[in-house]
Amino acid sequence: MATKATGSKKYLQLLLFQAALLGPVFCGKVLIWPTEGSHWLNVKIVIDELIRRGHNVTVLVSNASLFIQPRADAMEKFEVYNVPFKKDTIENVIEDGVALWVNNRPTALTFWKFYRKLEKQFNSWHHMNRLMCDAVLTNHELMAHLKSSGYDLLLSDPVTLCGDLVAVKLAIPFMYSLRFSPASTMERHCGRIPAPPSYAPAALSELTDHMSFGERIKNMLSYHLQDFIFQSYWGEWDIYYSKILGRPTTLCETMGKAEIWLIRTYWDFEFPRPFLPNFEFVGGLHCQPAKPLPKEMEEFVQSSGKHGIVVFSLGSMVYNLSDEKSNIIARALSQIPQKVLWRYKGKKPETLGSNTRIYDWIPQNDLLGHPLTKAFITHGGTNGIYEAIYHGIPMVGIPMFADQHDNIAHMRAKGAAVALDFSTLTTQDLADALKTVLNNSTYKENALRLSKVHHDQPVTPLDRAVFWVEFVMRHKGAKHLRPAAHHLTWYQYHSLDVLAFLFTCTAIAVFILVKCCVFCCRKCGKGIVKRKKE
């Protein structure tokens, strides 16, 4: 027995020794260039999993960040840099952006005015973004420290530019994590994603992949309008990128060097369209099975009986509503037999029904996964939509700003949601939409169908995201997945030089043929005339 115990002990020691040798081989150092809001929540999930697998992760964050709060007890490390603005500057930019979308819903007559205002909002964001870039890239001490830290990879969100520049300066590979960039111009122009306007709807267009002739006109115009507007600030970034790198370059040329683009959607959400091998879908990576609710909340949920509950949230960006709008909503909620859990930080509406409770915060994923949940009223944020897809819950969408209208349009097209217009919302509209989703079983069936598609994957979205991060670290890049399109000029990419050559050859051939025919006709004509004279 003693011999067996000794042998087992030696075997265990050998395994531990091998693990100690192998550990450093598979563990790397990752630098994160994050973006605020829900973008950070998604990246945080990836960070936690990387740390769980033994990787060292450092977040490069400004001292004015709203959502990213460095903590001494956090598993990840933080490199904090100082910027010449305060947190309220970011808050104001976000609030102004939300107000623009909520109060200036674009129509056929006002879309140009809306896009001009949207351009000003982006200019404000990019001015602040450039200050963040300067705070890092011109800080020689910080850059030297980052260089000496020996990072293997930088994971960046391109909504906040310059993560790629930091990676190039540090001479390390970089990846992107995003839902989509503004107007998806970066993916199309910099990532070289094909986008046939005949069936690939432009971002923010609220169109589907089945378009009428008029919708295809709108889609084509949307692509060109977005390109025109965003080209205006691209030029400034081209100058900035050239200055930092000390050579002529462009924003797109640098972004095109990304090894992998992690797109936070999947085919349960997207319409089928062409993608490239260095684009990977990781939609719903934050979703997980529901956990038990707090005791008081569980008691309220159980009190709903056979009717069940409705979960309601307009996201973290909408802190308050007008008294008129909140009372319209509360009155509609009071008309359904279900109990309602409403995440809302504003003033309690006077028309709030006894079936509705307001919370500053709710465990949204856990509530959506509760067996008594019947419907989800949502602003259409990607995170919330994916939690509803994960748990198979039909939705009533009240989109407010940014990609939310597009997101709800996708869910409506897939038969899992009813969409409402916040600017014209009435009590009857919301009550009717809720009754439709709750009483028409096709919405629940479609939501469950999307849920089955989401769950039927060879690996989870989070595992896929982490795999590609580790893949790029192991191979020091993924150049074999990048298309040759990155090395072509715009006229080569569209084969305009080939078309011009073929057109020229055809024109020359036709010209020679015509000349030969004319020459032959003249010869024949002269011969006929000569014979007649004879």
Protein backbone atom coordinates (compact mmCIF):
# COMPACT_ATOMS: atom_id res chain seq x y z
CA MET A 1 0.00 0.00 0.00
CA ALA A 2 2.86 2.32 0.86
CA THR A 3 4.45 1.58 -2.52
CA LYS A 4 1.21 2.44 -4.34
CA ALA A 5 0.84 5.66 -2.37
CA THR A 6 4.42 6.60 -3.17
CA GLY A 7 3.89 5.81 -6.85
CA SER A 8 0.68 7.88 -6.96
CA LYS A 9 2.46 10.76 -5.29
CA LYS A 10 5.30 10.65 -7.82
CA TYR A 11 2.78 10.48 -10.68
CA LEU A 12 0.94 13.52 -9.32
CA GLN A 13 4.23 15.40 -8.93
CA LEU A 14 5.10 14.54 -12.55
CA LEU A 15 1.75 15.89 -13.77
CA LEU A 16 2.18 19.10 -11.79
CA PHE A 17 5.70 19.48 -13.17
CA GLN A 18 4.44 19.06 -16.74
CA ALA A 19 1.64 21.55 -16.08
CA ALA A 20 4.21 24.02 -14.74
CA LEU A 21 6.27 23.60 -17.90
CA LEU A 22 3.31 23.89 -20.25
CA GLY A 23 1.67 26.81 -18.45
CA PRO A 24 3.90 29.58 -19.76
CA VAL A 25 3.63 28.19 -23.32
CA PHE A 26 -0.13 28.77 -23.51
CA CYS A 27 -0.37 31.94 -21.44
CA GLY A 28 0.08 35.33 -23.02
CA LYS A 29 -0.15 39.04 -22.26
CA VAL A 30 -3.09 40.92 -23.72
CA LEU A 31 -3.56 44.69 -23.85
CA ILE A 32 -7.14 46.02 -24.10
CA TRP A 33 -8.17 49.28 -25.82
CA PRO A 34 -11.83 49.53 -24.74
CA THR A 35 -14.94 51.59 -25.51
CA GLU A 36 -17.54 52.82 -23.02
CA GLY A 37 -21.00 51.42 -22.29
CA SER A 38 -22.24 48.04 -23.47
CA HIS A 39 -19.08 47.65 -25.55
CA TRP A 40 -17.09 47.38 -22.32
CA LEU A 41 -19.51 44.83 -20.85
CA ASN A 42 -18.87 42.49 -23.79
CA VAL A 43 -15.10 42.87 -23.68
CA LYS A 44 -15.14 42.37 -19.89
CA ILE A 45 -16.64 38.90 -20.42
CA VAL A 46 -13.74 38.02 -22.74
CA ILE A 47 -11.23 39.48 -20.27
CA ASP A 48 -12.60 37.36 -17.41
CA GLU A 49 -12.37 34.19 -19.49
CA LEU A 50 -8.83 34.98 -20.63
CA ILE A 51 -7.78 35.50 -17.01
CA ARG A 52 -9.51 32.26 -16.01
CA ARG A 53 -7.36 30.49 -18.60
CA GLY A 54 -4.18 31.93 -17.14
CA HIS A 55 -3.53 34.92 -19.42
CA ASN A 56 -2.38 38.31 -18.13
CA VAL A 57 -4.71 41.11 -19.19
CA THR A 58 -4.12 44.86 -18.91
CA VAL A 59 -6.75 47.50 -19.69
CA LEU A 60 -5.51 50.83 -21.05
CA VAL A 61 -8.09 53.32 -19.73
CA SER A 62 -8.39 57.07 -19.28
CA ASN A 63 -8.97 58.72 -15.92
CA ALA A 64 -12.26 60.13 -17.27
CA SER A 65 -13.87 56.77 -18.07
CA LEU A 66 -17.53 56.42 -17.08
CA PHE A 67 -17.94 52.65 -16.99
CA ILE A 68 -14.42 51.32 -16.52
CA GLN A 69 -13.42 51.80 -12.91
CA PRO A 70 -9.92 50.52 -12.01
CA ARG A 71 -9.98 48.49 -8.80
CA ALA A 72 -7.10 47.16 -6.76
CA ASP A 73 -8.91 43.86 -6.20
CA ALA A 74 -9.70 43.33 -9.92
CA MET A 75 -8.21 40.30 -11.68
CA GLU A 76 -7.18 42.43 -14.65
CA LYS A 77 -4.54 45.14 -14.42
CA PHE A 78 -5.10 48.77 -15.38
CA GLU A 79 -2.86 51.32 -17.04
CA VAL A 80 -4.52 54.66 -16.39
CA TYR A 81 -3.59 57.68 -18.51
CA ASN A 82 -4.68 61.26 -17.97
CA VAL A 83 -6.82 63.17 -20.48
CA PRO A 84 -7.56 66.92 -20.60
CA PHE A 85 -11.31 66.51 -20.01
CA LYS A 86 -13.57 65.20 -17.26
CA LYS A 87 -16.18 62.46 -17.03
CA ASP A 88 -19.02 64.90 -17.56
CA THR A 89 -17.61 65.63 -21.04
CA ILE A 90 -18.21 62.03 -22.03
CA GLU A 91 -21.62 62.10 -20.35
CA ASN A 92 -22.61 65.21 -22.30
CA VAL A 93 -21.54 63.70 -25.62
CA ILE A 94 -23.55 60.54 -24.88
CA GLU A 95 -26.62 62.49 -23.69
CA ASP A 96 -26.51 64.79 -26.72
CA GLY A 97 -26.29 61.75 -28.98
CA VAL A 98 -29.27 60.08 -27.32
CA ALA A 99 -31.29 63.31 -27.49
CA LEU A 100 -30.51 63.67 -31.20
CA TRP A 101 -31.90 60.24 -32.00
CA VAL A 102 -34.91 60.47 -29.69
CA ASN A 103 -35.99 63.97 -30.71
CA ASN A 104 -35.00 63.98 -34.39
CA ARG A 105 -36.19 60.69 -35.85
CA PRO A 106 -35.12 60.86 -39.54
CA THR A 107 -37.83 60.78 -42.20
CA ALA A 108 -37.71 60.95 -45.99
CA LEU A 109 -37.88 64.75 -45.75
CA THR A 110 -35.52 65.27 -42.81
CA PHE A 111 -32.85 62.57 -43.28
CA TRP A 112 -30.28 65.01 -44.71
CA LYS A 113 -30.74 67.39 -41.77
CA PHE A 114 -30.52 64.44 -39.37
CA TYR A 115 -27.30 63.13 -40.89
CA ARG A 116 -25.74 66.60 -40.76
CA LYS A 117 -26.52 66.76 -37.03
CA LEU A 118 -25.23 63.24 -36.63
CA GLU A 119 -22.00 64.31 -38.31
CA LYS A 120 -21.57 67.04 -35.69
CA GLN A 121 -22.06 64.47 -32.94
CA PHE A 122 -19.38 62.27 -34.45
CA ASN A 123 -17.06 65.24 -34.75
CA SER A 124 -17.49 65.87 -31.01
CA TRP A 125 -16.75 62.24 -30.23
CA HIS A 126 -13.73 62.12 -32.51
CA HIS A 127 -12.30 65.33 -31.07
CA MET A 128 -12.47 63.71 -27.64
CA ASN A 129 -11.13 60.47 -29.11
CA ARG A 130 -8.13 62.33 -30.58
CA LEU A 131 -7.32 63.80 -27.17
CA MET A 132 -7.30 60.25 -25.79
CA CYS A 133 -4.98 59.16 -28.60
CA ASP A 134 -2.57 62.01 -27.89
CA ALA A 135 -2.61 61.24 -24.16
CA VAL A 136 -1.23 57.77 -24.93
CA LEU A 137 0.75 58.03 -28.16
CA THR A 138 2.63 61.22 -27.27
CA ASN A 139 3.37 60.01 -23.73
CA HIS A 140 6.84 58.60 -24.36
CA GLU A 141 7.20 57.29 -20.82
CA LEU A 142 3.91 55.35 -21.02
CA MET A 143 4.68 53.99 -24.50
CA ALA A 144 8.15 52.86 -23.36
CA HIS A 145 6.56 51.11 -20.38
CA LEU A 146 4.02 49.37 -22.62
CA LYS A 147 6.78 48.38 -25.03
CA SER A 148 8.89 46.84 -22.25
CA SER A 149 5.88 44.91 -20.90
CA GLY A 150 6.08 42.46 -23.80
CA TYR A 151 2.43 42.22 -24.83
CA ASP A 152 1.50 39.51 -27.33
CA LEU A 153 -1.72 41.07 -28.63
CA LEU A 154 -3.92 44.17 -28.45
CA LEU A 155 -7.72 43.74 -28.46
CA SER A 156 -9.39 46.94 -29.61
CA ASP A 157 -12.87 48.33 -30.16
CA PRO A 158 -12.73 50.46 -33.35
CA VAL A 159 -15.56 52.72 -32.20
CA THR A 160 -12.80 54.35 -30.15
CA LEU A 161 -9.97 54.76 -32.62
CA CYS A 162 -6.21 54.49 -32.02
CA GLY A 163 -6.02 51.02 -30.49
CA ASP A 164 -4.60 49.87 -33.83
CA LEU A 165 -2.06 52.71 -33.78
CA VAL A 166 -0.90 51.70 -30.31
CA ALA A 167 -0.47 48.12 -31.53
CA VAL A 168 1.53 49.19 -34.59
CA LYS A 169 3.79 51.38 -32.44
CA LEU A 170 4.30 48.45 -30.04
CA ALA A 171 4.90 46.09 -33.00
CA ILE A 172 2.28 43.57 -31.84
CA PRO A 173 -0.72 42.05 -33.69
CA PHE A 174 -4.18 43.44 -32.98
CA MET A 175 -7.80 42.32 -33.22
CA TYR A 176 -11.14 44.11 -33.20
CA SER A 177 -14.28 43.44 -31.17
CA LEU A 178 -17.41 45.26 -32.37
CA ARG A 179 -21.11 45.11 -33.23
CA PHE A 180 -20.52 47.35 -36.20
CA SER A 181 -18.65 50.58 -36.79
CA PRO A 182 -20.40 53.87 -37.63
CA ALA A 183 -22.35 53.14 -40.83
CA SER A 184 -20.28 49.95 -41.22
CA THR A 185 -17.93 51.94 -43.42
CA MET A 186 -14.89 50.51 -41.64
CA GLU A 187 -15.87 46.90 -42.27
CA ARG A 188 -16.68 47.57 -45.92
CA HIS A 189 -13.77 49.84 -46.81
CA CYS A 190 -11.10 48.83 -44.31
CA GLY A 191 -12.04 45.19 -43.67
CA ARG A 192 -12.96 44.67 -47.35
CA ILE A 193 -16.28 42.98 -46.58
CA PRO A 194 -18.39 42.59 -49.76
CA ALA A 195 -21.70 44.46 -49.45
CA PRO A 196 -24.03 43.93 -52.43
CA PRO A 197 -26.62 46.71 -52.04
CA SER A 198 -29.23 44.54 -53.77
CA TYR A 199 -29.69 42.40 -50.65
CA ALA A 200 -27.21 43.49 -47.94
CA PRO A 201 -29.00 46.29 -46.04
CA ALA A 202 -26.92 49.30 -45.05
CA ALA A 203 -26.44 49.82 -41.33
CA LEU A 204 -29.06 52.11 -39.75
CA SER A 205 -31.32 51.71 -42.81
CA GLU A 206 -33.83 49.46 -40.97
CA LEU A 207 -34.12 47.38 -44.14
CA THR A 208 -34.10 43.60 -44.52
CA ASP A 209 -32.48 41.33 -47.11
CA HIS A 210 -35.76 41.22 -49.07
CA MET A 211 -36.19 44.70 -50.54
CA SER A 212 -38.64 46.17 -52.99
CA PHE A 213 -37.38 48.34 -55.85
CA GLY A 214 -37.98 51.49 -53.80
CA GLU A 215 -36.16 49.99 -50.80
CA ARG A 216 -33.19 49.06 -52.98
CA ILE A 217 -33.02 52.68 -54.09
CA LYS A 218 -33.07 53.75 -50.43
CA ASN A 219 -30.37 51.18 -49.63
CA MET A 220 -28.11 52.37 -52.42
CA LEU A 221 -28.54 55.99 -51.36
CA SER A 222 -27.89 55.03 -47.72
CA TYR A 223 -24.54 53.47 -48.60
CA HIS A 224 -23.40 56.49 -50.61
CA LEU A 225 -24.73 59.03 -48.10
CA GLN A 226 -22.95 57.31 -45.21
CA ASP A 227 -19.73 57.11 -47.21
CA PHE A 228 -19.95 60.80 -48.09
CA ILE A 229 -20.54 61.91 -44.49
CA PHE A 230 -17.93 59.71 -42.88
CA GLN A 231 -15.29 60.43 -45.51
CA SER A 232 -15.27 63.97 -44.14
CA TYR A 233 -13.70 62.91 -40.84
CA TRP A 234 -11.66 60.07 -42.33
CA GLY A 235 -9.43 62.63 -44.02
CA GLU A 236 -8.50 64.15 -40.66
CA TRP A 237 -7.70 60.73 -39.23
CA ASP A 238 -5.56 59.92 -42.29
CA ILE A 239 -3.42 62.96 -41.47
CA TYR A 240 -3.24 61.99 -37.80
CA TYR A 241 -2.26 58.38 -38.53
CA SER A 242 0.43 59.54 -40.98
CA LYS A 243 1.81 61.95 -38.39
CA ILE A 244 1.99 59.30 -35.63
CA LEU A 245 3.56 56.64 -37.86
CA GLY A 246 5.91 59.10 -39.55
CA ARG A 247 4.98 58.00 -43.07
CA PRO A 248 2.10 58.56 -45.50
CA THR A 249 -0.74 56.21 -44.61
CA THR A 250 -4.48 56.14 -44.06
CA LEU A 251 -6.87 55.09 -41.33
CA CYS A 252 -8.16 52.26 -43.52
CA GLU A 253 -4.70 50.98 -44.37
CA THR A 254 -3.90 50.65 -40.67
CA MET A 255 -7.28 49.14 -39.77
CA GLY A 256 -6.89 46.67 -42.61
CA LYS A 257 -3.96 45.13 -40.74
CA ALA A 258 -6.34 43.70 -38.09
CA GLU A 259 -5.77 39.95 -37.78
CA ILE A 260 -9.35 39.06 -36.76
CA TRP A 261 -12.62 41.01 -36.52
CA LEU A 262 -14.86 39.61 -33.76
CA ILE A 263 -18.42 40.59 -34.71
CA ARG A 264 -20.86 40.51 -31.80
CA THR A 265 -23.76 38.99 -33.77
CA TYR A 266 -24.58 35.59 -35.28
CA TRP A 267 -26.85 34.10 -37.93
CA ASP A 268 -29.74 34.02 -35.46
CA PHE A 269 -29.64 37.81 -35.78
CA GLU A 270 -27.95 38.59 -39.11
CA PHE A 271 -29.36 38.24 -42.61
CA PRO A 272 -27.23 35.91 -44.80
CA ARG A 273 -24.56 37.87 -46.65
CA PRO A 274 -20.90 37.45 -47.71
CA PHE A 275 -18.20 37.56 -45.05
CA LEU A 276 -14.46 36.90 -44.98
CA PRO A 277 -12.46 34.23 -43.13
CA ASN A 278 -10.93 36.75 -40.70
CA PHE A 279 -14.42 37.86 -39.57
CA GLU A 280 -15.79 35.69 -36.74
CA PHE A 281 -19.27 35.83 -35.18
CA VAL A 282 -19.44 35.84 -31.38
CA GLY A 283 -22.94 37.20 -30.79
CA GLY A 284 -24.33 36.50 -27.34
CA LEU A 285 -20.97 35.76 -25.74
CA HIS A 286 -22.23 37.35 -22.51
CA CYS A 287 -25.33 35.14 -22.27
CA GLN A 288 -25.54 32.40 -19.67
CA PRO A 289 -28.11 30.23 -17.88
CA ALA A 290 -30.34 32.11 -15.45
CA LYS A 291 -29.34 32.28 -11.80
CA PRO A 292 -31.77 32.43 -8.86
CA LEU A 293 -33.40 35.82 -8.28
CA PRO A 294 -33.15 37.82 -5.07
CA LYS A 295 -35.75 36.61 -2.56
CA GLU A 296 -38.02 39.68 -2.69
CA MET A 297 -37.95 39.74 -6.49
CA GLU A 298 -38.66 36.00 -6.72
CA GLU A 299 -41.69 36.42 -4.45
CA PHE A 300 -43.07 39.16 -6.69
CA VAL A 301 -42.48 37.01 -9.78
CA GLN A 302 -44.20 34.01 -8.22
CA SER A 303 -47.20 36.16 -7.26
CA SER A 304 -47.96 36.52 -10.98
CA GLY A 305 -49.40 33.00 -11.05
CA LYS A 306 -50.36 31.56 -14.43
CA HIS A 307 -50.12 34.96 -16.18
CA GLY A 308 -46.37 35.25 -15.71
CA ILE A 309 -44.24 38.38 -15.95
CA VAL A 310 -43.04 40.99 -18.43
CA VAL A 311 -39.50 42.39 -18.16
CA PHE A 312 -39.03 46.04 -19.19
CA SER A 313 -35.76 47.95 -19.68
CA LEU A 314 -34.69 50.84 -21.88
CA GLY A 315 -31.01 50.23 -21.14
CA SER A 316 -28.39 52.02 -19.11
CA MET A 317 -28.13 55.10 -21.35
CA VAL A 318 -31.72 56.31 -20.85
CA TYR A 319 -31.80 57.50 -17.26
CA ASN A 320 -35.07 59.42 -17.34
CA LEU A 321 -38.24 60.04 -19.33
CA SER A 322 -40.64 62.97 -19.41
CA ASP A 323 -43.61 62.75 -17.06
CA GLU A 324 -45.94 62.48 -20.05
CA LYS A 325 -44.03 59.57 -21.61
CA SER A 326 -43.55 57.66 -18.35
CA ASN A 327 -47.29 57.95 -17.57
CA ILE A 328 -48.19 56.75 -21.07
CA ILE A 329 -46.03 53.68 -20.52
CA ALA A 330 -47.22 53.03 -16.96
CA ARG A 331 -50.87 53.27 -18.02
CA ALA A 332 -50.32 50.70 -20.77
CA LEU A 333 -48.54 48.32 -18.42
CA SER A 334 -51.43 48.49 -15.96
CA GLN A 335 -53.77 47.07 -18.63
CA ILE A 336 -52.18 43.62 -18.84
CA PRO A 337 -52.70 40.75 -16.35
CA GLN A 338 -48.97 39.99 -16.12
CA LYS A 339 -46.73 41.40 -13.40
CA VAL A 340 -44.14 43.84 -14.77
CA LEU A 341 -40.59 44.45 -13.56
CA TRP A 342 -39.46 47.82 -14.94
CA ARG A 343 -35.90 49.08 -14.71
CA TYR A 344 -36.25 52.84 -14.38
CA LYS A 345 -34.40 55.53 -12.40
CA GLY A 346 -36.76 58.42 -13.08
CA LYS A 347 -39.68 59.84 -11.15
CA LYS A 348 -42.39 57.30 -10.26
CA PRO A 349 -45.30 57.71 -12.74
CA GLU A 350 -48.65 58.72 -11.25
CA THR A 351 -50.42 56.12 -13.41
CA LEU A 352 -48.26 53.21 -12.22
CA GLY A 353 -50.42 50.10 -11.78
CA SER A 354 -50.37 47.70 -8.87
CA ASN A 355 -49.00 45.01 -11.22
CA THR A 356 -45.82 47.00 -11.93
CA ARG A 357 -42.71 47.44 -9.81
CA ILE A 358 -39.87 49.83 -10.59
CA TYR A 359 -36.23 48.95 -9.90
CA ASP A 360 -33.03 50.96 -10.26
CA TRP A 361 -31.40 47.78 -11.54
CA ILE A 362 -32.62 44.33 -12.48
CA PRO A 363 -30.77 41.03 -13.13
CA GLN A 364 -31.99 41.11 -16.72
CA ASN A 365 -30.48 37.84 -17.93
CA ASP A 366 -31.79 35.96 -14.89
CA LEU A 367 -35.27 37.42 -15.32
CA LEU A 368 -35.39 36.61 -19.03
CA GLY A 369 -34.36 33.05 -18.20
CA HIS A 370 -37.08 32.65 -15.58
CA PRO A 371 -39.79 30.13 -16.58
CA LEU A 372 -42.57 32.64 -15.82
CA THR A 373 -41.25 35.33 -18.20
CA LYS A 374 -43.61 35.86 -21.15
CA ALA A 375 -42.27 38.95 -22.94
CA PHE A 376 -39.49 41.53 -22.96
CA ILE A 377 -40.01 45.25 -23.60
CA THR A 378 -36.66 46.51 -24.85
CA HIS A 379 -34.96 49.52 -26.40
CA GLY A 380 -33.21 47.14 -28.79
CA GLY A 381 -29.66 47.08 -27.45
CA THR A 382 -27.68 44.15 -28.82
CA ASN A 383 -26.92 42.75 -25.36
CA GLY A 384 -30.58 42.68 -24.31
CA ILE A 385 -31.74 41.26 -27.63
CA TYR A 386 -29.21 38.44 -27.37
CA GLU A 387 -30.33 37.60 -23.85
CA ALA A 388 -33.91 37.38 -25.17
CA ILE A 389 -32.76 35.17 -28.07
CA TYR A 390 -30.74 32.97 -25.71
CA HIS A 391 -33.79 32.35 -23.50
CA GLY A 392 -36.37 32.34 -26.33
CA ILE A 393 -38.41 35.38 -25.20
CA PRO A 394 -40.50 37.43 -27.71
CA MET A 395 -40.03 41.19 -27.67
CA VAL A 396 -41.77 44.54 -27.92
CA GLY A 397 -39.17 46.93 -29.29
CA ILE A 398 -39.10 50.64 -28.49
CA PRO A 399 -35.81 51.66 -30.16
CA MET A 400 -34.29 54.95 -29.07
CA PHE A 401 -30.97 55.61 -30.84
CA ALA A 402 -27.92 54.28 -32.73
CA ASP A 403 -28.22 50.66 -33.92
CA GLN A 404 -31.37 49.95 -31.90
CA HIS A 405 -33.81 50.65 -34.75
CA ASP A 406 -31.82 48.30 -36.97
CA ASN A 407 -31.72 45.61 -34.27
CA ILE A 408 -35.48 45.69 -33.75
CA ALA A 409 -36.02 45.67 -37.54
CA HIS A 410 -34.02 42.42 -37.66
CA MET A 411 -36.12 40.86 -34.90
CA ARG A 412 -39.35 42.04 -36.49
CA ALA A 413 -38.32 40.53 -39.83
CA LYS A 414 -37.63 37.22 -38.08
CA GLY A 415 -41.07 37.27 -36.46
CA ALA A 416 -39.87 37.57 -32.85
CA ALA A 417 -40.77 41.22 -32.11
CA VAL A 418 -43.28 44.01 -32.57
CA ALA A 419 -41.77 47.46 -33.14
CA LEU A 420 -43.07 50.80 -31.79
CA ASP A 421 -42.03 54.39 -32.46
CA PHE A 422 -40.99 56.10 -29.23
CA SER A 423 -41.64 59.61 -30.57
CA THR A 424 -45.32 58.86 -31.34
CA LEU A 425 -45.90 56.22 -28.65
CA THR A 426 -49.38 56.13 -27.11
CA THR A 427 -50.85 54.03 -24.31
CA GLN A 428 -52.98 52.12 -26.81
CA ASP A 429 -49.96 51.39 -29.05
CA LEU A 430 -48.00 49.79 -26.22
CA ALA A 431 -51.01 47.93 -24.81
CA ASP A 432 -51.88 46.51 -28.25
CA ALA A 433 -48.26 45.51 -28.94
CA LEU A 434 -48.02 43.71 -25.60
CA LYS A 435 -51.29 41.87 -26.13
CA THR A 436 -50.13 40.83 -29.61
CA VAL A 437 -46.83 39.40 -28.39
CA LEU A 438 -48.41 37.76 -25.32
CA ASN A 439 -51.44 36.24 -27.06
CA ASN A 440 -50.13 35.39 -30.54
CA SER A 441 -48.15 32.17 -30.12
CA THR A 442 -46.17 32.67 -33.36
CA TYR A 443 -43.96 35.27 -31.66
CA LYS A 444 -43.01 32.81 -28.92
CA GLU A 445 -42.47 30.06 -31.50
CA ASN A 446 -40.18 32.28 -33.59
CA ALA A 447 -38.23 33.37 -30.50
CA LEU A 448 -37.72 29.72 -29.55
CA ARG A 449 -36.62 28.93 -33.11
CA LEU A 450 -33.95 31.65 -32.93
CA SER A 451 -32.92 30.33 -29.53
CA LYS A 452 -32.43 26.83 -30.96
CA VAL A 453 -30.27 28.26 -33.76
CA HIS A 454 -28.22 30.20 -31.23
CA HIS A 455 -27.61 27.18 -29.00
CA ASP A 456 -26.89 24.82 -31.90
CA GLN A 457 -23.23 25.79 -32.37
CA PRO A 458 -20.14 23.54 -32.15
CA VAL A 459 -18.63 25.85 -29.51
CA THR A 460 -20.03 28.70 -27.45
CA PRO A 461 -19.55 32.28 -28.69
CA LEU A 462 -17.29 33.04 -25.71
CA ASP A 463 -15.11 30.01 -26.39
CA ARG A 464 -14.91 31.03 -30.05
CA ALA A 465 -13.85 34.59 -29.15
CA VAL A 466 -11.17 33.39 -26.73
CA PHE A 467 -9.98 30.73 -29.20
CA TRP A 468 -9.22 33.37 -31.82
CA VAL A 469 -7.48 35.60 -29.28
CA GLU A 470 -5.26 32.66 -28.30
CA PHE A 471 -4.84 31.65 -31.96
CA VAL A 472 -3.46 35.06 -32.89
CA MET A 473 -1.11 34.98 -29.89
CA ARG A 474 0.12 31.47 -30.69
CA HIS A 475 0.79 32.24 -34.36
CA LYS A 476 1.73 35.91 -33.86
CA GLY A 477 -1.01 36.90 -36.30
CA ALA A 478 -3.41 35.38 -38.80
CA LYS A 479 -2.13 36.74 -42.09
CA HIS A 480 -3.27 33.61 -43.95
CA LEU A 481 -6.90 34.68 -43.32
CA ARG A 482 -6.57 38.21 -44.67
CA PRO A 483 -7.80 38.58 -48.28
CA ALA A 484 -5.49 39.87 -51.00
CA ALA A 485 -7.97 42.73 -51.46
CA HIS A 486 -5.96 44.67 -48.84
CA HIS A 487 -3.07 44.89 -51.31
CA LEU A 488 -5.14 46.23 -54.21
CA THR A 489 -5.94 49.82 -55.11
CA TRP A 490 -9.57 50.82 -55.38
CA TYR A 491 -9.55 50.55 -59.17
CA GLN A 492 -7.85 47.13 -59.04
CA TYR A 493 -10.36 45.92 -56.42
CA HIS A 494 -13.26 46.81 -58.71
CA SER A 495 -11.32 45.53 -61.78
CA LEU A 496 -11.68 48.91 -63.44
CA ASP A 497 -8.20 48.61 -65.00
CA VAL A 498 -9.13 45.20 -66.45
CA LEU A 499 -12.45 46.52 -67.72
CA ALA A 500 -10.70 49.54 -69.23
CA PHE A 501 -8.17 47.25 -70.94
CA LEU A 502 -10.88 44.93 -72.30
CA PHE A 503 -12.96 47.89 -73.42
CA THR A 504 -9.94 49.38 -75.19
CA CYS A 505 -9.12 46.06 -76.88
CA THR A 506 -12.73 45.65 -77.95
CA ALA A 507 -12.86 49.22 -79.24
CA ILE A 508 -9.62 48.71 -81.21
CA ALA A 509 -10.88 45.39 -82.61
CA VAL A 510 -14.20 46.96 -83.62
CA PHE A 511 -12.35 49.94 -85.11
CA ILE A 512 -10.06 47.66 -87.16
CA LEU A 513 -13.02 45.51 -88.22
CA VAL A 514 -14.99 48.56 -89.32
CA LYS A 515 -11.97 49.92 -91.19
CA CYS A 516 -11.45 46.55 -92.91
CA CYS A 517 -15.12 46.38 -93.85
CA VAL A 518 -15.00 49.93 -95.23
CA PHE A 519 -11.80 49.12 -97.13
CA CYS A 520 -13.31 45.93 -98.57
CA CYS A 521 -16.52 47.70 -99.48
CA ARG A 522 -14.57 50.39 -101.27
CA LYS A 523 -12.49 47.79 -103.14
CA CYS A 524 -15.59 45.83 -104.10
CA GLY A 525 -17.34 49.03 -105.12
CA LYS A 526 -14.45 50.08 -107.34
CA GLY A 527 -14.38 46.58 -108.92
CA ILE A 528 -18.09 46.69 -109.72
CA VAL A 529 -17.82 50.17 -111.21
CA LYS A 530 -14.83 49.06 -113.31
CA ARG A 531 -16.70 46.01 -114.67
CA LYS A 532 -19.71 48.13 -115.52
CA LYS A 533 -17.55 50.55 -117.47
CA GLU A 534 -15.97 47.66 -119.39
